[in-house]
C-alpha atoms as a PDB file:
ATOM      1  CA  MET A   1      -0.049   0.003   0.041  1.00  0.00           C
ATOM      2  CA  GLU A   2       2.757   2.495   0.989  1.00  0.00           C
ATOM      3  CA  THR A   3       4.730   1.598  -2.153  1.00  0.00           C
ATOM      4  CA  ALA A   4       1.669   2.321  -4.318  1.00  0.00           C
ATOM      5  CA  VAL A   5       1.072   5.688  -2.657  1.00  0.00           C
ATOM      6  CA  ILE A   6       4.680   6.714  -3.020  1.00  0.00           C
ATOM      7  CA  ARG A   7       4.699   5.697  -6.723  1.00  0.00           C
ATOM      8  CA  SER A   8       1.450   7.665  -7.198  1.00  0.00           C
ATOM      9  CA  GLN A   9       3.335  10.591  -5.555  1.00  0.00           C
ATOM     10  CA  ALA A  10       6.133  10.275  -8.131  1.00  0.00           C
ATOM     11  CA  GLN A  11       3.597  10.266 -10.918  1.00  0.00           C
ATOM     12  CA  THR A  12       1.945  13.341  -9.498  1.00  0.00           C
ATOM     13  CA  VAL A  13       5.258  15.181  -9.328  1.00  0.00           C
ATOM     14  CA  GLU A  14       5.986  14.262 -12.955  1.00  0.00           C
ATOM     15  CA  GLU A  15       2.605  15.496 -14.085  1.00  0.00           C
ATOM     16  CA  HIS A  16       3.045  18.761 -12.177  1.00  0.00           C
ATOM     17  CA  SER A  17       6.529  19.232 -13.627  1.00  0.00           C
ATOM     18  CA  ALA A  18       5.294  18.734 -17.133  1.00  0.00           C
ATOM     19  CA  GLY A  19       1.982  20.641 -16.610  1.00  0.00           C
ATOM     20  CA  THR A  20       1.636  23.431 -14.115  1.00  0.00           C
ATOM     21  CA  GLY A  21       5.330  23.323 -12.923  1.00  0.00           C
ATOM     22  CA  ASP A  22       4.231  23.287  -9.317  1.00  0.00           C
ATOM     23  CA  ALA A  23       5.913  20.862  -6.989  1.00  0.00           C
ATOM     24  CA  GLY A  24       4.299  21.970  -3.821  1.00  0.00           C
ATOM     25  CA  GLY A  25       4.476  20.719  -0.315  1.00  0.00           C
ATOM     26  CA  ARG A  26       1.421  18.379  -1.063  1.00  0.00           C
ATOM     27  CA  ASP A  27       3.384  16.150  -3.492  1.00  0.00           C
ATOM     28  CA  VAL A  28       5.411  14.218  -0.888  1.00  0.00           C
ATOM     29  CA  VAL A  29       3.912  14.005   2.488  1.00  0.00           C
ATOM     30  CA  ASP A  30       6.724  12.245   4.281  1.00  0.00           C
ATOM     31  CA  PRO A  31      10.009  12.332   2.237  1.00  0.00           C
ATOM     32  CA  ARG A  32      11.894  10.214   4.816  1.00  0.00           C
ATOM     33  CA  ALA A  33       9.379   7.279   4.338  1.00  0.00           C
ATOM     34  CA  VAL A  34      10.171   6.998   0.638  1.00  0.00           C
ATOM     35  CA  ALA A  35      11.880   3.704  -0.227  1.00  0.00           C
ATOM     36  CA  PRO A  36      15.393   3.947  -1.846  1.00  0.00           C
ATOM     37  CA  ARG A  37      14.191   2.576  -5.159  1.00  0.00           C
ATOM     38  CA  ASP A  38      11.165   5.014  -5.435  1.00  0.00           C
ATOM     39  CA  ALA A  39      13.453   7.738  -4.233  1.00  0.00           C
ATOM     40  CA  ARG A  40      15.546   7.596  -7.407  1.00  0.00           C
ATOM     41  CA  GLN A  41      12.466   8.242  -9.517  1.00  0.00           C
ATOM     42  CA  LEU A  42      11.260  11.003  -7.322  1.00  0.00           C
ATOM     43  CA  SER A  43      14.710  12.599  -7.075  1.00  0.00           C
ATOM     44  CA  ARG A  44      14.883  13.024 -10.873  1.00  0.00           C
ATOM     45  CA  GLN A  45      11.589  14.948 -10.867  1.00  0.00           C
ATOM     46  CA  PHE A  46      12.752  17.221  -8.089  1.00  0.00           C
ATOM     47  CA  PHE A  47      16.204  17.840  -9.671  1.00  0.00           C
ATOM     48  CA  ARG A  48      14.385  18.871 -12.837  1.00  0.00           C
ATOM     49  CA  ARG A  49      12.162  21.203 -10.851  1.00  0.00           C
ATOM     50  CA  LEU A  50      15.199  22.525  -8.802  1.00  0.00           C
ATOM     51  CA  ALA A  51      16.848  23.591 -12.036  1.00  0.00           C
ATOM     52  CA  GLU A  52      13.816  25.670 -13.047  1.00  0.00           C
ATOM     53  CA  LEU A  53      13.300  27.405  -9.695  1.00  0.00           C
ATOM     54  CA  GLU A  54      15.005  30.540  -8.553  1.00  0.00           C
ATOM     55  CA  GLU A  55      17.397  29.921  -5.574  1.00  0.00           C
ATOM     56  CA  GLY A  56      16.165  31.338  -2.372  1.00  0.00           C
ATOM     57  CA  THR A  57      12.494  31.011  -3.038  1.00  0.00           C
ATOM     58  CA  HIS A  58      10.271  28.994  -0.968  1.00  0.00           C
ATOM     59  CA  GLU A  59       9.553  26.457  -3.717  1.00  0.00           C
ATOM     60  CA  TYR A  60      13.274  26.033  -4.267  1.00  0.00           C
ATOM     61  CA  GLN A  61      13.940  25.444  -0.574  1.00  0.00           C
ATOM     62  CA  TYR A  62      11.054  22.858  -0.429  1.00  0.00           C
ATOM     63  CA  ALA A  63      12.477  21.016  -3.419  1.00  0.00           C
ATOM     64  CA  ARG A  64      15.976  21.023  -2.037  1.00  0.00           C
ATOM     65  CA  SER A  65      14.872  19.910   1.496  1.00  0.00           C
ATOM     66  CA  THR A  66      12.710  17.149  -0.005  1.00  0.00           C
ATOM     67  CA  LEU A  67      15.719  15.883  -2.002  1.00  0.00           C
ATOM     68  CA  ILE A  68      17.834  15.787   1.201  1.00  0.00           C
ATOM     69  CA  GLU A  69      15.135  13.912   3.244  1.00  0.00           C
ATOM     70  CA  MET A  70      14.439  11.411   0.515  1.00  0.00           C
ATOM     71  CA  ASN A  71      18.073  10.488   0.112  1.00  0.00           C
ATOM     72  CA  MET A  72      19.000  10.134   3.771  1.00  0.00           C
ATOM     73  CA  SER A  73      19.026   6.374   3.300  1.00  0.00           C
ATOM     74  CA  LEU A  74      22.187   6.867   1.174  1.00  0.00           C
ATOM     75  CA  VAL A  75      23.890   8.381   4.189  1.00  0.00           C
ATOM     76  CA  ARG A  76      22.859   5.640   6.508  1.00  0.00           C
ATOM     77  CA  PHE A  77      24.109   3.058   3.957  1.00  0.00           C
ATOM     78  CA  ALA A  78      27.549   4.852   3.761  1.00  0.00           C
ATOM     79  CA  ALA A  79      27.767   5.321   7.512  1.00  0.00           C
ATOM     80  CA  GLY A  80      27.210   1.541   8.109  1.00  0.00           C
ATOM     81  CA  ARG A  81      30.645   0.953   6.599  1.00  0.00           C
ATOM     82  CA  PHE A  82      32.253   2.750   9.546  1.00  0.00           C
ATOM     83  CA  ARG A  83      30.184   1.089  12.325  1.00  0.00           C
ATOM     84  CA  GLY A  84      33.201  -0.773  13.770  1.00  0.00           C
ATOM     85  CA  ARG A  85      35.189   2.311  14.551  1.00  0.00           C
ATOM     86  CA  GLY A  86      33.692   2.802  17.948  1.00  0.00           C
ATOM     87  CA  ASP A  87      32.361   6.283  17.281  1.00  0.00           C
ATOM     88  CA  ASP A  88      28.746   7.563  17.828  1.00  0.00           C
ATOM     89  CA  MET A  89      26.711   6.562  14.793  1.00  0.00           C
ATOM     90  CA  ASP A  90      24.792   9.832  15.011  1.00  0.00           C
ATOM     91  CA  ASP A  91      28.016  11.905  14.572  1.00  0.00           C
ATOM     92  CA  ILE A  92      28.964   9.756  11.552  1.00  0.00           C
ATOM     93  CA  VAL A  93      25.479  10.248  10.010  1.00  0.00           C
ATOM     94  CA  GLN A  94      25.470  13.929  10.596  1.00  0.00           C
ATOM     95  CA  THR A  95      28.828  14.191   8.957  1.00  0.00           C
ATOM     96  CA  GLY A  96      27.629  12.135   5.975  1.00  0.00           C
ATOM     97  CA  MET A  97      24.645  14.592   5.604  1.00  0.00           C
ATOM     98  CA  ILE A  98      27.126  17.270   4.815  1.00  0.00           C
ATOM     99  CA  GLY A  99      28.389  15.215   1.921  1.00  0.00           C
ATOM    100  CA  LEU A 100      24.818  14.544   0.796  1.00  0.00           C
ATOM    101  CA  ILE A 101      23.964  18.228   0.701  1.00  0.00           C
ATOM    102  CA  LYS A 102      27.149  19.058  -1.243  1.00  0.00           C
ATOM    103  CA  ALA A 103      26.194  16.357  -3.815  1.00  0.00           C
ATOM    104  CA  ILE A 104      22.667  17.776  -4.166  1.00  0.00           C
ATOM    105  CA  ASP A 105      23.843  21.305  -4.672  1.00  0.00           C
ATOM    106  CA  ARG A 106      26.451  20.175  -7.402  1.00  0.00           C
ATOM    107  CA  PHE A 107      24.388  17.526  -9.191  1.00  0.00           C
ATOM    108  CA  GLU A 108      23.137  18.209 -12.726  1.00  0.00           C
ATOM    109  CA  LEU A 109      20.711  16.054 -14.642  1.00  0.00           C
ATOM    110  CA  SER A 110      22.761  16.747 -17.805  1.00  0.00           C
ATOM    111  CA  ARG A 111      25.487  14.410 -16.416  1.00  0.00           C
ATOM    112  CA  GLU A 112      23.314  11.528 -17.269  1.00  0.00           C
ATOM    113  CA  VAL A 113      24.438   9.505 -14.189  1.00  0.00           C
ATOM    114  CA  GLU A 114      22.356   8.145 -11.287  1.00  0.00           C
ATOM    115  CA  PHE A 115      22.266  10.603  -8.353  1.00  0.00           C
ATOM    116  CA  THR A 116      23.225   7.725  -5.996  1.00  0.00           C
ATOM    117  CA  SER A 117      26.422   7.069  -7.943  1.00  0.00           C
ATOM    118  CA  PHE A 118      27.263  10.747  -7.839  1.00  0.00           C
ATOM    119  CA  ALA A 119      26.441  11.295  -4.221  1.00  0.00           C
ATOM    120  CA  LEU A 120      28.118   8.289  -2.484  1.00  0.00           C
ATOM    121  CA  PRO A 121      31.735   9.434  -3.127  1.00  0.00           C
ATOM    122  CA  TYR A 122      30.723  12.829  -1.540  1.00  0.00           C
ATOM    123  CA  ILE A 123      29.200  11.220   1.482  1.00  0.00           C
ATOM    124  CA  VAL A 124      31.989   8.684   2.078  1.00  0.00           C
ATOM    125  CA  GLY A 125      34.665  11.357   1.449  1.00  0.00           C
ATOM    126  CA  GLU A 126      33.214  13.618   4.098  1.00  0.00           C
ATOM    127  CA  ILE A 127      33.054  10.792   6.590  1.00  0.00           C
ATOM    128  CA  LYS A 128      36.665   9.825   5.934  1.00  0.00           C
ATOM    129  CA  ARG A 129      37.705  13.487   6.256  1.00  0.00           C
ATOM    130  CA  PHE A 130      35.890  13.635   9.672  1.00  0.00           C
ATOM    131  CA  PHE A 131      37.902  10.565  10.888  1.00  0.00           C
ATOM    132  CA  ARG A 132      41.190  11.935   9.473  1.00  0.00           C
ATOM    133  CA  ASP A 133      40.907  15.478  10.806  1.00  0.00           C
ATOM    134  CA  THR A 134      38.771  15.513  13.956  1.00  0.00           C
ATOM    135  CA  THR A 135      38.580  12.274  15.764  1.00  0.00           C
ATOM    136  CA  TRP A 136      42.228  11.677  16.928  1.00  0.00           C
ATOM    137  CA  ALA A 137      42.945  13.635  20.082  1.00  0.00           C
ATOM    138  CA  VAL A 138      46.709  13.368  19.424  1.00  0.00           C
ATOM    139  CA  HIS A 139      48.604  12.385  16.250  1.00  0.00           C
ATOM    140  CA  VAL A 140      49.545   8.859  15.833  1.00  0.00           C
ATOM    141  CA  PRO A 141      51.034   7.083  12.694  1.00  0.00           C
ATOM    142  CA  ARG A 142      48.514   6.005  10.042  1.00  0.00           C
ATOM    143  CA  ARG A 143      49.769   2.426  10.577  1.00  0.00           C
ATOM    144  CA  LEU A 144      48.480   2.524  14.142  1.00  0.00           C
ATOM    145  CA  GLN A 145      45.298   4.235  13.148  1.00  0.00           C
ATOM    146  CA  GLU A 146      44.484   1.437  10.733  1.00  0.00           C
ATOM    147  CA  LEU A 147      45.501  -1.156  13.328  1.00  0.00           C
ATOM    148  CA  ARG A 148      43.053   0.346  15.815  1.00  0.00           C
ATOM    149  CA  VAL A 149      40.264  -0.163  13.341  1.00  0.00           C
ATOM    150  CA  GLU A 150      41.171  -3.740  12.642  1.00  0.00           C
ATOM    151  CA  LEU A 151      41.513  -4.341  16.416  1.00  0.00           C
ATOM    152  CA  ALA A 152      38.014  -3.084  17.073  1.00  0.00           C
ATOM    153  CA  LYS A 153      36.579  -5.397  14.324  1.00  0.00           C
ATOM    154  CA  ALA A 154      38.503  -8.429  15.739  1.00  0.00           C
ATOM    155  CA  ARG A 155      37.442  -7.657  19.357  1.00  0.00           C
ATOM    156  CA  GLU A 156      33.790  -7.343  18.309  1.00  0.00           C
ATOM    157  CA  GLU A 157      33.956 -10.635  16.359  1.00  0.00           C
ATOM    158  CA  LEU A 158      35.618 -12.589  19.231  1.00  0.00           C
ATOM    159  CA  ALA A 159      33.472 -11.011  21.960  1.00  0.00           C
ATOM    160  CA  SER A 160      30.298 -12.198  20.140  1.00  0.00           C
ATOM    161  CA  ARG A 161      31.817 -15.696  19.560  1.00  0.00           C
ATOM    162  CA  LEU A 162      33.255 -16.127  23.096  1.00  0.00           C
ATOM    163  CA  ASP A 163      30.635 -14.205  25.057  1.00  0.00           C
ATOM    164  CA  ARG A 164      33.515 -12.298  26.865  1.00  0.00           C
ATOM    165  CA  GLU A 165      36.276  -9.936  26.217  1.00  0.00           C
ATOM    166  CA  PRO A 166      39.088 -11.572  24.213  1.00  0.00           C
ATOM    167  CA  THR A 167      42.587 -11.752  25.539  1.00  0.00           C
ATOM    168  CA  VAL A 168      45.665 -10.264  23.777  1.00  0.00           C
ATOM    169  CA  GLY A 169      46.748 -13.657  22.642  1.00  0.00           C
ATOM    170  CA  GLU A 170      43.378 -14.493  21.104  1.00  0.00           C
ATOM    171  CA  LEU A 171      43.328 -11.136  19.210  1.00  0.00           C
ATOM    172  CA  ALA A 172      46.874 -11.745  18.018  1.00  0.00           C
ATOM    173  CA  THR A 173      45.932 -15.270  16.738  1.00  0.00           C
ATOM    174  CA  LEU A 174      42.841 -14.011  14.883  1.00  0.00           C
ATOM    175  CA  MET A 175      44.681 -11.044  13.274  1.00  0.00           C
ATOM    176  CA  ASN A 176      47.775 -13.100  12.576  1.00  0.00           C
ATOM    177  CA  ILE A 177      49.986 -10.574  14.162  1.00  0.00           C
ATOM    178  CA  THR A 178      52.169 -10.641  17.373  1.00  0.00           C
ATOM    179  CA  GLU A 179      50.942  -9.932  20.918  1.00  0.00           C
ATOM    180  CA  GLN A 180      53.412  -6.935  20.905  1.00  0.00           C
ATOM    181  CA  GLN A 181      51.661  -5.478  17.967  1.00  0.00           C
ATOM    182  CA  VAL A 182      48.233  -5.939  19.614  1.00  0.00           C
ATOM    183  CA  VAL A 183      49.397  -4.191  22.739  1.00  0.00           C
ATOM    184  CA  GLU A 184      50.967  -1.389  20.581  1.00  0.00           C
ATOM    185  CA  GLY A 185      47.583  -0.854  18.865  1.00  0.00           C
ATOM    186  CA  GLN A 186      45.681  -0.816  22.179  1.00  0.00           C
ATOM    187  CA  ILE A 187      48.110   1.833  23.525  1.00  0.00           C
ATOM    188  CA  ALA A 188      47.675   3.879  20.360  1.00  0.00           C
ATOM    189  CA  ALA A 189      43.938   3.704  20.689  1.00  0.00           C
ATOM    190  CA  ASN A 190      44.321   5.805  23.865  1.00  0.00           C
ATOM    191  CA  GLY A 191      45.212   8.728  21.683  1.00  0.00           C
ATOM    192  CA  TYR A 192      41.731   8.597  19.882  1.00  0.00           C
ATOM    193  CA  ASN A 193      39.864  10.284  22.743  1.00  0.00           C
ATOM    194  CA  SER A 194      40.895  12.822  25.404  1.00  0.00           C
ATOM    195  CA  SER A 195      39.397  14.146  28.622  1.00  0.00           C
ATOM    196  CA  SER A 196      39.664  17.683  30.026  1.00  0.00           C
ATOM    197  CA  LEU A 197      41.725  18.065  33.121  1.00  0.00           C
ATOM    198  CA  ASP A 198      38.841  20.061  34.444  1.00  0.00           C
ATOM    199  CA  ALA A 199      36.403  17.265  33.844  1.00  0.00           C
ATOM    200  CA  ALA A 200      34.336  16.575  37.028  1.00  0.00           C
ATOM    201  CA  LEU A 201      34.676  13.160  38.634  1.00  0.00           C
ATOM    202  CA  THR A 202      32.537  11.338  41.270  1.00  0.00           C
ATOM    203  CA  GLY A 203      33.651  11.497  44.839  1.00  0.00           C
ATOM    204  CA  ASP A 204      35.155  14.256  47.017  1.00  0.00           C
ATOM    205  CA  GLY A 205      38.143  16.322  45.968  1.00  0.00           C
ATOM    206  CA  PRO A 206      41.098  17.115  48.109  1.00  0.00           C
ATOM    207  CA  GLU A 207      39.295  19.792  49.860  1.00  0.00           C
ATOM    208  CA  HIS A 208      36.034  17.913  50.115  1.00  0.00           C
ATOM    209  CA  GLY A 209      34.539  19.758  47.138  1.00  0.00           C
ATOM    210  CA  GLU A 210      33.948  18.637  43.513  1.00  0.00           C
ATOM    211  CA  ALA A 211      36.874  16.551  42.316  1.00  0.00           C
ATOM    212  CA  VAL A 212      38.397  17.073  38.840  1.00  0.00           C
ATOM    213  CA  LEU A 213      40.859  14.879  36.945  1.00  0.00           C
ATOM    214  CA  ALA A 214      43.702  17.319  37.602  1.00  0.00           C
ATOM    215  CA  ASP A 215      43.458  16.484  41.283  1.00  0.00           C
ATOM    216  CA  PHE A 216      44.526  12.900  40.799  1.00  0.00           C
ATOM    217  CA  ILE A 217      47.320  13.085  38.173  1.00  0.00           C
ATOM    218  CA  GLY A 218      50.665  14.859  37.857  1.00  0.00           C
ATOM    219  CA  VAL A 219      53.162  15.989  40.394  1.00  0.00           C
ATOM    220  CA  GLU A 220      54.897  19.304  41.014  1.00  0.00           C
ATOM    221  CA  GLU A 221      57.956  19.391  38.857  1.00  0.00           C
ATOM    222  CA  LYS A 222      60.792  21.070  40.780  1.00  0.00           C
ATOM    223  CA  GLY A 223      62.733  21.537  37.574  1.00  0.00           C
ATOM    224  CA  LEU A 224      60.109  24.049  36.354  1.00  0.00           C
ATOM    225  CA  ARG A 225      61.376  26.488  39.083  1.00  0.00           C
ATOM    226  CA  LEU A 226      64.924  26.238  37.746  1.00  0.00           C
ATOM    227  CA  VAL A 227      63.549  27.070  34.171  1.00  0.00           C
ATOM    228  CA  GLU A 228      62.039  30.204  35.548  1.00  0.00           C
ATOM    229  CA  ASP A 229      65.203  31.124  37.365  1.00  0.00           C
ATOM    230  CA  PHE A 230      67.347  30.623  34.239  1.00  0.00           C
ATOM    231  CA  GLN A 231      64.897  32.876  32.345  1.00  0.00           C
ATOM    232  CA  SER A 232      65.276  35.610  34.981  1.00  0.00           C
ATOM    233  CA  LEU A 233      69.016  35.114  35.219  1.00  0.00           C
ATOM    234  CA  ALA A 234      69.838  35.425  31.502  1.00  0.00           C
ATOM    235  CA  PRO A 235      69.455  39.188  31.123  1.00  0.00           C
ATOM    236  CA  LEU A 236      71.384  39.805  34.419  1.00  0.00           C
ATOM    237  CA  MET A 237      74.301  37.625  33.057  1.00  0.00           C
ATOM    238  CA  ALA A 238      74.182  39.675  29.786  1.00  0.00           C
ATOM    239  CA  GLU A 239      74.856  42.789  31.870  1.00  0.00           C
ATOM    240  CA  LEU A 240      78.022  41.460  33.410  1.00  0.00           C
ATOM    241  CA  SER A 241      81.468  42.283  32.035  1.00  0.00           C
ATOM    242  CA  GLU A 242      83.193  39.802  29.832  1.00  0.00           C
ATOM    243  CA  ARG A 243      85.615  38.997  32.673  1.00  0.00           C
ATOM    244  CA  ASP A 244      82.836  38.534  35.186  1.00  0.00           C
ATOM    245  CA  ARG A 245      81.004  36.103  32.803  1.00  0.00           C
ATOM    246  CA  GLU A 246      84.261  34.132  32.297  1.00  0.00           C
ATOM    247  CA  ILE A 247      84.753  33.836  36.100  1.00  0.00           C
ATOM    248  CA  ILE A 248      81.222  32.559  36.484  1.00  0.00           C
ATOM    249  CA  HIS A 249      81.647  30.156  33.649  1.00  0.00           C
ATOM    250  CA  LEU A 250      84.967  28.789  34.943  1.00  0.00           C
ATOM    251  CA  ARG A 251      83.656  28.313  38.453  1.00  0.00           C
ATOM    252  CA  PHE A 252      80.156  26.938  37.927  1.00  0.00           C
ATOM    253  CA  VAL A 253      80.250  25.386  34.470  1.00  0.00           C
ATOM    254  CA  GLU A 254      83.861  23.996  34.191  1.00  0.00           C
ATOM    255  CA  GLU A 255      83.902  23.606  37.996  1.00  0.00           C
ATOM    256  CA  ALA A 256      87.412  25.068  38.213  1.00  0.00           C
ATOM    257  CA  THR A 257      88.906  25.860  41.678  1.00  0.00           C
ATOM    258  CA  GLN A 258      89.535  29.437  42.772  1.00  0.00           C
ATOM    259  CA  ALA A 259      93.315  28.811  42.607  1.00  0.00           C
ATOM    260  CA  GLU A 260      92.878  27.486  38.925  1.00  0.00           C
ATOM    261  CA  ILE A 261      90.842  30.638  38.104  1.00  0.00           C
ATOM    262  CA  GLY A 262      93.487  32.904  39.591  1.00  0.00           C
ATOM    263  CA  GLU A 263      96.220  31.226  37.481  1.00  0.00           C
ATOM    264  CA  ARG A 264      94.211  31.761  34.322  1.00  0.00           C
ATOM    265  CA  LEU A 265      93.438  35.425  35.207  1.00  0.00           C
ATOM    266  CA  GLY A 266      96.736  36.267  36.681  1.00  0.00           C
ATOM    267  CA  CYS A 267      95.486  37.127  40.199  1.00  0.00           C
ATOM    268  CA  SER A 268      95.494  35.618  43.672  1.00  0.00           C
ATOM    269  CA  GLN A 269      92.918  33.043  44.925  1.00  0.00           C
ATOM    270  CA  MET A 270      91.750  35.522  47.539  1.00  0.00           C
ATOM    271  CA  HIS A 271      91.072  38.166  44.870  1.00  0.00           C
ATOM    272  CA  VAL A 272      89.133  35.549  42.898  1.00  0.00           C
ATOM    273  CA  SER A 273      87.081  34.764  46.039  1.00  0.00           C
ATOM    274  CA  ARG A 274      86.106  38.445  46.415  1.00  0.00           C
ATOM    275  CA  LEU A 275      85.247  38.703  42.753  1.00  0.00           C
ATOM    276  CA  ILE A 276      82.945  35.673  42.936  1.00  0.00           C
ATOM    277  CA  LYS A 277      81.271  36.928  46.061  1.00  0.00           C
ATOM    278  CA  ARG A 278      80.627  40.356  44.421  1.00  0.00           C
ATOM    279  CA  ILE A 279      79.232  38.892  41.228  1.00  0.00           C
ATOM    280  CA  ILE A 280      76.885  36.506  43.038  1.00  0.00           C
ATOM    281  CA  THR A 281      75.683  39.265  45.307  1.00  0.00           C
ATOM    282  CA  ARG A 282      74.927  41.423  42.220  1.00  0.00           C
ATOM    283  CA  LEU A 283      72.994  38.573  40.562  1.00  0.00           C
ATOM    284  CA  ARG A 284      71.000  37.789  43.713  1.00  0.00           C
ATOM    285  CA  GLU A 285      69.938  41.223  44.178  1.00  0.00           C
ATOM    286  CA  GLY A 286      68.882  41.389  40.478  1.00  0.00           C
ATOM    287  CA  MET A 287      66.962  38.227  40.927  1.00  0.00           C
ATOM    288  CA  LEU A 288      65.155  39.153  44.203  1.00  0.00           C
ATOM    289  CA  GLY A 289      64.598  42.816  43.365  1.00  0.00           C
ATOM    290  CA  GLU A 290      63.458  44.813  46.382  1.00  0.00           C
ATOM    291  CA  LEU A 291      63.533  41.606  48.551  1.00  0.00           C
ATOM    292  CA  GLY A 292      67.237  41.375  47.928  1.00  0.00           C
ATOM    293  CA  CYS A 293      67.865  44.886  49.010  1.00  0.00           C
ATOM    294  CA  ALA A 294      65.760  44.751  52.158  1.00  0.00           C
END
């Protein structure tokens, strides 16, 4: 019954296109309910009407929207190829819709090709671009990206067959690869998704408030303070005389003794000691600012 109604709708659209040229909203009551086979016939009529209408008019928007809704089955068909990747199918379908819309806007009846053959490369290309550009949280080699997909398929197959999660050894046997390669692929898969350090977690935080991920990972890196000190010290070192910089270099880089420095500079060890003390005092005051002068 539904097929007969839809075919009747297609005939009505064709008659309107040939006669009055009106493809109003009454022609297709529910475009999403049109079967794929019938959608091909209806689509030809709407594409013919779309070419005659002025872009931006209500009739043009109706014809374009109807084409999109009638051909959503193409998107679902293409998206099914990517079901094993572990992503939300709604996101994949939404991305494929972008490809469908591009195909509708660029299709011409004069090409004398089926719209389905023209649209599928657009839809699949848009989905592949989505996976390539937006889904990996960090960059990993393409080899590991492909391994992750194969691992997901193998895990799904074994899980349904064994009624439990497969082991690394079982995955390696099925995929004919080493266990080390399986582990490498599993580790690489961790780069597919990421979580914000500010993401809220269940339980109490350090101060009995809301806990976030940052409360449970990472430690204070003492070396970071040295980096800050080096950055502050660099301009102060640049202000020293060439001889003072040489003394600091000999003492704290080459770790020469005061006596060895005195021999190289032609002065006594006591004089070198006073020079080093003066230079260090100057640098300390520069680093501490007003605190050093207090």
